Amino acid sequence: MKKRSIVVFCLISALASVAGAQPTQLFYVFSAEDAAQRLGAHHLDQWNEDHGRPLRVMGLVQHQGDVAVMEQMRLQEGISFQLMCATAAQQNPGLPAELSGHLDSPAGFVLLVDAKGRAAASGAGAQLNQVLDQAALLLGGLAATEVDESTWGKVKEIFK
């Protein structure tokens, strides 16, 4: 008989927060005019909510400079993270250098930055799910495993 066990590795993220490390960040560059990319923003927000909001997310919106229009879009799409005009982001020294060449990419862009400020994963907007998979690994996400009862006995013996 097998038991399903879900192993949660929260220790890594807990230690990082105690040590005063910066939060893991995800930057999502997308076009307000592309329905699939707007849906990606909603999916990203839902993923972050489902996982307890471990990521600090920044949406960088292409082809839109009007703050009121971006706020309206944010509410309509059900996005809770901050949005910023991609053009204005070019002037922001706090954004990672890896973003600079992708702020006007028609395919969108996603960048995951670890707690030390290093790029951990990136890709076109369509690769959002793969980058989120990397985020789960980086954050010590959930790992579901099938464990046979006899395996539990062996594990107990190892740790005696």
Protein backbone atom coordinates (compact mmCIF):
# COMPACT_ATOMS: atom_id res chain seq x y z
CA MET A 1 0.00 0.00 0.00
CA LYS A 2 1.34 3.38 -0.97
CA LYS A 3 0.78 6.62 0.83
CA ARG A 4 0.85 9.96 -0.89
CA SER A 5 3.06 12.36 0.93
CA ILE A 6 3.47 16.03 0.23
CA VAL A 7 6.79 17.34 1.35
CA VAL A 8 6.99 21.07 1.87
CA PHE A 9 10.38 22.74 1.89
CA CYS A 10 9.60 26.05 3.59
CA LEU A 11 12.83 26.19 5.55
CA ILE A 12 14.78 27.80 2.71
CA SER A 13 12.36 30.69 2.27
CA ALA A 14 11.99 31.10 6.04
CA LEU A 15 15.76 31.31 6.51
CA ALA A 16 16.02 33.82 3.68
CA SER A 17 13.44 36.08 5.28
CA VAL A 18 15.13 35.86 8.68
CA ALA A 19 18.49 36.72 7.14
CA GLY A 20 16.98 39.90 5.67
CA ALA A 21 17.35 38.80 2.07
CA GLN A 22 15.40 40.60 -0.63
CA PRO A 23 12.23 38.83 -1.75
CA THR A 24 12.28 36.75 -4.88
CA GLN A 25 10.94 38.94 -7.67
CA LEU A 26 9.22 38.24 -10.96
CA PHE A 27 8.98 40.83 -13.72
CA TYR A 28 6.32 40.24 -16.38
CA VAL A 29 6.55 42.39 -19.52
CA PHE A 30 3.32 42.23 -21.51
CA SER A 31 1.23 44.13 -24.01
CA ALA A 32 -2.08 45.61 -22.90
CA GLU A 33 -3.28 44.97 -26.45
CA ASP A 34 -2.60 41.20 -26.40
CA ALA A 35 -5.40 39.19 -24.78
CA ALA A 36 -3.17 36.13 -24.27
CA GLN A 37 -0.53 38.20 -22.47
CA ARG A 38 -3.19 39.86 -20.29
CA LEU A 39 -4.47 36.38 -19.44
CA GLY A 40 -0.88 35.45 -18.55
CA ALA A 41 -0.83 38.36 -16.08
CA HIS A 42 -4.02 37.06 -14.47
CA HIS A 43 -2.60 33.52 -14.36
CA LEU A 44 0.60 34.80 -12.75
CA ASP A 45 -1.35 36.64 -10.09
CA GLN A 46 -3.49 33.55 -9.40
CA TRP A 47 -0.37 31.35 -9.14
CA ASN A 48 1.21 33.78 -6.69
CA GLU A 49 -1.98 33.90 -4.60
CA ASP A 50 -2.33 30.10 -4.60
CA HIS A 51 1.25 29.79 -3.30
CA GLY A 52 0.89 32.35 -0.49
CA ARG A 53 2.31 35.30 -2.46
CA PRO A 54 5.97 34.30 -2.22
CA LEU A 55 6.94 36.46 -5.20
CA ARG A 56 7.10 40.22 -5.41
CA VAL A 57 5.61 40.73 -8.87
CA MET A 58 5.98 43.78 -11.10
CA GLY A 59 4.00 44.02 -14.32
CA LEU A 60 5.60 46.13 -17.03
CA VAL A 61 2.95 47.14 -19.54
CA GLN A 62 3.96 47.88 -23.12
CA HIS A 63 2.29 50.54 -25.27
CA GLN A 64 0.49 52.14 -22.34
CA GLY A 65 1.59 55.24 -20.47
CA ASP A 66 -1.71 56.30 -18.92
CA VAL A 67 -1.73 55.31 -15.25
CA ALA A 68 -5.54 55.49 -15.04
CA VAL A 69 -5.93 53.14 -18.01
CA MET A 70 -3.41 50.69 -16.50
CA GLU A 71 -5.26 50.78 -13.18
CA GLN A 72 -8.57 50.13 -14.93
CA MET A 73 -7.00 47.20 -16.82
CA ARG A 74 -5.53 45.87 -13.56
CA LEU A 75 -8.97 45.85 -11.96
CA GLN A 76 -10.72 44.38 -15.03
CA GLU A 77 -8.19 41.57 -15.36
CA GLY A 78 -8.17 40.81 -11.62
CA ILE A 79 -4.49 41.61 -11.18
CA SER A 80 -3.33 42.57 -7.69
CA PHE A 81 0.34 43.26 -8.42
CA GLN A 82 1.75 46.66 -9.34
CA LEU A 83 1.83 47.75 -12.97
CA MET A 84 4.32 50.15 -14.48
CA CYS A 85 4.70 51.52 -17.99
CA ALA A 86 7.48 49.59 -19.74
CA THR A 87 8.82 52.82 -21.28
CA ALA A 88 9.10 54.47 -17.86
CA ALA A 89 10.80 51.33 -16.53
CA GLN A 90 13.78 52.05 -18.78
CA GLN A 91 14.50 55.07 -16.58
CA ASN A 92 14.25 53.09 -13.32
CA PRO A 93 17.73 52.17 -12.03
CA GLY A 94 16.21 49.64 -9.61
CA LEU A 95 15.16 47.26 -12.38
CA PRO A 96 17.46 44.40 -13.41
CA ALA A 97 19.69 45.00 -16.42
CA GLU A 98 18.38 41.77 -17.99
CA LEU A 99 15.07 43.53 -18.65
CA SER A 100 16.45 46.38 -20.75
CA GLY A 101 16.60 44.50 -24.05
CA HIS A 102 13.14 42.98 -23.66
CA LEU A 103 10.86 45.86 -22.68
CA ASP A 104 9.54 46.22 -26.23
CA SER A 105 9.51 42.54 -27.22
CA PRO A 106 6.24 41.71 -29.02
CA ALA A 107 6.29 38.24 -27.43
CA GLY A 108 6.47 39.72 -23.92
CA PHE A 109 9.09 38.67 -21.42
CA VAL A 110 9.28 37.16 -17.96
CA LEU A 111 12.26 37.38 -15.59
CA LEU A 112 12.66 35.66 -12.23
CA VAL A 113 15.20 37.27 -9.89
CA ASP A 114 16.38 35.41 -6.79
CA ALA A 115 16.81 36.88 -3.31
CA LYS A 116 20.42 37.82 -4.12
CA GLY A 117 19.36 39.88 -7.14
CA ARG A 118 20.54 37.34 -9.74
CA ALA A 119 18.50 36.27 -12.75
CA ALA A 120 17.24 32.77 -11.97
CA ALA A 121 15.05 32.14 -15.05
CA SER A 122 13.70 34.07 -18.00
CA GLY A 123 11.88 33.61 -21.26
CA ALA A 124 9.30 34.94 -23.65
CA GLY A 125 5.87 35.65 -22.21
CA ALA A 126 4.61 32.30 -23.52
CA GLN A 127 7.16 30.59 -21.24
CA LEU A 128 5.55 31.99 -18.08
CA ASN A 129 4.61 28.52 -16.79
CA GLN A 130 8.18 27.24 -17.13
CA VAL A 131 9.50 30.27 -15.24
CA LEU A 132 6.87 29.72 -12.53
CA ASP A 133 8.04 26.10 -12.27
CA GLN A 134 11.54 27.43 -11.68
CA ALA A 135 10.15 29.84 -9.09
CA ALA A 136 8.56 26.93 -7.23
CA LEU A 137 11.89 25.11 -7.19
CA LEU A 138 13.77 28.23 -6.14
CA LEU A 139 11.34 28.88 -3.31
CA GLY A 140 11.41 25.27 -2.17
CA GLY A 141 7.97 24.58 -3.59
CA LEU A 142 5.75 21.64 -3.09
CA ALA A 143 7.09 18.29 -4.16
CA ALA A 144 4.52 15.50 -4.27
CA THR A 145 5.98 12.03 -4.09
CA GLU A 146 4.68 8.48 -3.91
CA VAL A 147 6.27 6.65 -1.00
CA ASP A 148 5.88 2.94 -0.35
CA GLU A 149 5.34 1.99 3.33
CA SER A 150 8.48 -0.16 3.27
CA THR A 151 10.43 2.92 2.21
CA TRP A 152 9.29 4.72 5.38
CA GLY A 153 10.83 1.93 7.44
CA LYS A 154 14.13 2.34 5.61
CA VAL A 155 14.06 6.09 6.15
CA LYS A 156 13.45 5.60 9.89
CA GLU A 157 16.45 3.26 10.06
CA ILE A 158 18.70 5.81 8.38
CA PHE A 159 17.83 8.53 10.89
CA LYS A 160 18.10 6.41 14.05
